[in-house]
C-alpha atoms as a PDB file:
ATOM      1  CA  MET A   1     122.530  92.300  97.575  1.00  0.00           C
ATOM      2  CA  ARG A   2     119.193  90.698  96.708  1.00  0.00           C
ATOM      3  CA  GLN A   3     116.201  92.963  96.307  1.00  0.00           C
ATOM      4  CA  GLN A   4     112.587  92.026  96.646  1.00  0.00           C
ATOM      5  CA  PRO A   5     110.789  91.251  93.395  1.00  0.00           C
ATOM      6  CA  TYR A   6     107.952  93.639  94.230  1.00  0.00           C
ATOM      7  CA  ILE A   7     108.772  97.046  95.718  1.00  0.00           C
ATOM      8  CA  ASP A   8     106.182  99.297  97.384  1.00  0.00           C
ATOM      9  CA  MET A   9     106.723 103.053  97.469  1.00  0.00           C
ATOM     10  CA  ASP A  10     104.538 105.598  99.226  1.00  0.00           C
ATOM     11  CA  VAL A  11     104.863 109.125  97.840  1.00  0.00           C
ATOM     12  CA  HIS A  12     101.974 110.741  99.739  1.00  0.00           C
ATOM     13  CA  GLY A  13     102.736 114.310 100.741  1.00  0.00           C
ATOM     14  CA  LEU A  14     105.520 114.823  98.208  1.00  0.00           C
ATOM     15  CA  THR A  15     105.483 117.372  95.440  1.00  0.00           C
ATOM     16  CA  VAL A  16     105.303 116.048  91.891  1.00  0.00           C
ATOM     17  CA  ASP A  17     109.008 116.781  91.343  1.00  0.00           C
ATOM     18  CA  GLN A  18     110.021 115.084  94.595  1.00  0.00           C
ATOM     19  CA  ALA A  19     107.897 112.022  93.819  1.00  0.00           C
ATOM     20  CA  ILE A  20     109.268 111.632  90.283  1.00  0.00           C
ATOM     21  CA  GLU A  21     112.828 112.031  91.568  1.00  0.00           C
ATOM     22  CA  ARG A  22     112.343 109.291  94.182  1.00  0.00           C
ATOM     23  CA  ILE A  23     110.569 106.986  91.740  1.00  0.00           C
ATOM     24  CA  GLU A  24     113.335 107.404  89.138  1.00  0.00           C
ATOM     25  CA  ALA A  25     115.964 106.701  91.803  1.00  0.00           C
ATOM     26  CA  GLN A  26     114.158 103.503  92.801  1.00  0.00           C
ATOM     27  CA  VAL A  27     113.828 102.394  89.169  1.00  0.00           C
ATOM     28  CA  ASN A  28     117.527 103.024  88.557  1.00  0.00           C
ATOM     29  CA  LYS A  29     118.470 101.108  91.736  1.00  0.00           C
ATOM     30  CA  ALA A  30     116.320  98.106  90.821  1.00  0.00           C
ATOM     31  CA  ASN A  31     118.209  95.013  89.744  1.00  0.00           C
ATOM     32  CA  ALA A  32     117.146  92.049  87.634  1.00  0.00           C
ATOM     33  CA  SER A  33     115.211  90.427  90.505  1.00  0.00           C
ATOM     34  CA  THR A  34     112.763  93.347  90.693  1.00  0.00           C
ATOM     35  CA  TYR A  35     109.818  92.972  88.359  1.00  0.00           C
ATOM     36  CA  ARG A  36     107.396  95.656  89.630  1.00  0.00           C
ATOM     37  CA  ILE A  37     107.423  98.871  91.575  1.00  0.00           C
ATOM     38  CA  ARG A  38     104.092  99.740  93.154  1.00  0.00           C
ATOM     39  CA  VAL A  39     103.721 103.488  93.704  1.00  0.00           C
ATOM     40  CA  VAL A  40     101.074 104.591  96.186  1.00  0.00           C
ATOM     41  CA  HIS A  41     100.331 108.231  95.403  1.00  0.00           C
ATOM     42  CA  GLY A  42      96.758 108.586  96.596  1.00  0.00           C
ATOM     43  CA  PHE A  43      93.653 109.748  94.824  1.00  0.00           C
ATOM     44  CA  ASN A  44      92.584 113.360  94.174  1.00  0.00           C
ATOM     45  CA  ARG A  45      95.828 115.131  95.172  1.00  0.00           C
ATOM     46  CA  GLY A  46      97.814 112.125  93.961  1.00  0.00           C
ATOM     47  CA  ASN A  47      96.366 112.421  90.472  1.00  0.00           C
ATOM     48  CA  ASN A  48      99.028 115.008  89.585  1.00  0.00           C
ATOM     49  CA  ILE A  49     101.725 112.517  90.544  1.00  0.00           C
ATOM     50  CA  GLN A  50     100.000 109.786  88.562  1.00  0.00           C
ATOM     51  CA  ARG A  51      99.861 111.960  85.441  1.00  0.00           C
ATOM     52  CA  ALA A  52     103.529 112.891  85.900  1.00  0.00           C
ATOM     53  CA  ILE A  53     104.495 109.205  86.141  1.00  0.00           C
ATOM     54  CA  TYR A  54     102.945 108.545  82.733  1.00  0.00           C
ATOM     55  CA  ARG A  55     104.344 111.776  81.262  1.00  0.00           C
ATOM     56  CA  GLU A  56     107.905 111.521  82.650  1.00  0.00           C
ATOM     57  CA  LEU A  57     108.459 107.754  82.704  1.00  0.00           C
ATOM     58  CA  GLY A  58     106.058 106.248  80.173  1.00  0.00           C
ATOM     59  CA  HIS A  59     106.263 105.661  76.434  1.00  0.00           C
ATOM     60  CA  GLY A  60     109.816 104.301  76.514  1.00  0.00           C
ATOM     61  CA  LEU A  61     111.331 107.324  78.263  1.00  0.00           C
ATOM     62  CA  ASN A  62     113.012 105.070  80.818  1.00  0.00           C
ATOM     63  CA  PRO A  63     114.431 101.904  79.220  1.00  0.00           C
ATOM     64  CA  LYS A  64     114.047  99.903  82.448  1.00  0.00           C
ATOM     65  CA  ILE A  65     110.256 100.352  82.464  1.00  0.00           C
ATOM     66  CA  LEU A  66     108.431  97.894  80.245  1.00  0.00           C
ATOM     67  CA  ARG A  67     105.015  99.479  80.825  1.00  0.00           C
ATOM     68  CA  ILE A  68     102.932 101.392  83.367  1.00  0.00           C
ATOM     69  CA  VAL A  69      99.618 100.004  84.622  1.00  0.00           C
ATOM     70  CA  GLY A  70      96.948 100.987  87.109  1.00  0.00           C
ATOM     71  CA  GLY A  71      97.020  99.350  90.496  1.00  0.00           C
ATOM     72  CA  ASP A  72      94.338  97.778  92.677  1.00  0.00           C
ATOM     73  CA  ASN A  73      92.696 101.188  93.155  1.00  0.00           C
ATOM     74  CA  PRO A  74      92.950 104.650  91.528  1.00  0.00           C
ATOM     75  CA  GLY A  75      95.542 105.782  94.084  1.00  0.00           C
ATOM     76  CA  ILE A  76      98.122 103.239  92.924  1.00  0.00           C
ATOM     77  CA  THR A  77     100.243 103.024  89.783  1.00  0.00           C
ATOM     78  CA  GLU A  78     102.539 100.098  89.007  1.00  0.00           C
ATOM     79  CA  LEU A  79     105.734 100.242  86.966  1.00  0.00           C
ATOM     80  CA  VAL A  80     106.383  96.912  85.261  1.00  0.00           C
ATOM     81  CA  LEU A  81     110.120  96.361  84.836  1.00  0.00           C
ATOM     82  CA  ARG A  82     109.876  92.806  83.519  1.00  0.00           C
ATOM     83  CA  GLU A  83     107.293  90.081  83.149  1.00  0.00           C
ATOM     84  CA  TYR A  84     106.856  87.668  86.023  1.00  0.00           C
ATOM     85  CA  TYR A  85     106.143  84.116  84.956  1.00  0.00           C
END
């Protein structure tokens, strides 16, 4: 089954634990064709989710995530799984 190279996830309205659980599940499901996961968490209330993404998944804690970067606006965080050339 071929996945899309860029996956969008919307975690608005979820608790921090629920959001991290769903994000981790998506990361673990991602195959070699997926290079980024774009997480839309929102701003203000979504800041807790954003901080949890860095805390729970950043700094090499998940070997599938190369790095975590900010998205197009403060309510988006992107998980880079591999470089896209």
